[in-house]
Every structure is written in C-alpha cells, then in structure tokens.
C-alpha cells in the first residue's frame, strides 16, 4: 500500500516537473515523497528483525 502511494506521488512529481510547475510546488511534493520513502524503509527494516 505504501509502495502504491510512493508510485503515485513520484508520478505527480514527474508531471509537475514536466509541466514546469512552480518551484515551491515541486519542492513540497518532493519532501512528501522523501517522507513516504523513509517510512517505507523504516517499515521494511522493522519487518526484517
């Protein structure tokens, strides 16, 4: 489920870059994506234990 959210947000980020969106919007999406990726890795590391 988290992986799907990451893919959707990554697509949104790519689209905003292609559309030359405002820097602040691109940055906001990028930060959200970074947080999701960090959560994904945190969850996957805790499952390995």
Protein backbone atom coordinates (compact mmCIF):
# COMPACT_ATOMS: atom_id res chain seq x y z
CA UNK A 1 0.00 0.00 0.00
CA UNK A 2 2.77 2.44 0.90
CA UNK A 3 4.53 1.41 -2.29
CA UNK A 4 1.46 2.43 -4.33
CA UNK A 5 1.40 5.83 -2.63
CA UNK A 6 5.09 6.29 -3.44
CA UNK A 7 4.49 5.46 -7.11
CA UNK A 8 1.54 7.85 -7.37
CA UNK A 9 3.44 10.68 -5.71
CA UNK A 10 6.51 10.04 -7.86
CA UNK A 11 4.31 10.29 -10.96
CA UNK A 12 2.81 13.52 -9.63
CA UNK A 13 6.30 14.92 -9.04
CA UNK A 14 7.46 13.95 -12.53
CA UNK A 15 4.36 15.51 -14.08
CA UNK A 16 4.84 18.75 -12.16
CA UNK A 17 8.44 18.94 -13.34
CA UNK A 18 7.42 18.26 -16.96
CA UNK A 19 4.76 20.97 -16.70
CA UNK A 20 7.27 23.47 -15.31
CA UNK A 21 5.25 23.90 -12.15
CA UNK A 22 6.20 26.44 -9.53
CA UNK A 23 9.36 25.54 -7.60
CA UNK A 24 7.54 25.60 -4.26
CA UNK A 25 5.00 23.04 -5.51
CA UNK A 26 7.72 20.75 -6.84
CA UNK A 27 9.65 21.06 -3.59
CA UNK A 28 6.56 20.29 -1.50
CA UNK A 29 5.83 17.13 -3.49
CA UNK A 30 9.48 16.10 -3.29
CA UNK A 31 9.52 16.45 0.50
CA UNK A 32 6.31 14.42 0.79
CA UNK A 33 7.85 11.72 -1.40
CA UNK A 34 11.01 11.65 0.71
CA UNK A 35 8.90 11.13 3.85
CA UNK A 36 6.98 8.26 2.27
CA UNK A 37 10.19 6.60 1.11
CA UNK A 38 11.70 6.95 4.58
CA UNK A 39 8.56 5.40 6.10
CA UNK A 40 8.70 2.57 3.58
CA UNK A 41 12.30 1.73 4.50
CA UNK A 42 11.63 2.10 8.21
CA UNK A 43 8.73 -0.36 7.94
CA UNK A 44 10.70 -2.81 5.83
CA UNK A 45 13.65 -2.73 8.25
CA UNK A 46 11.40 -3.39 11.25
CA UNK A 47 9.89 -6.41 9.47
CA UNK A 48 13.33 -7.90 8.88
CA UNK A 49 14.03 -8.12 12.61
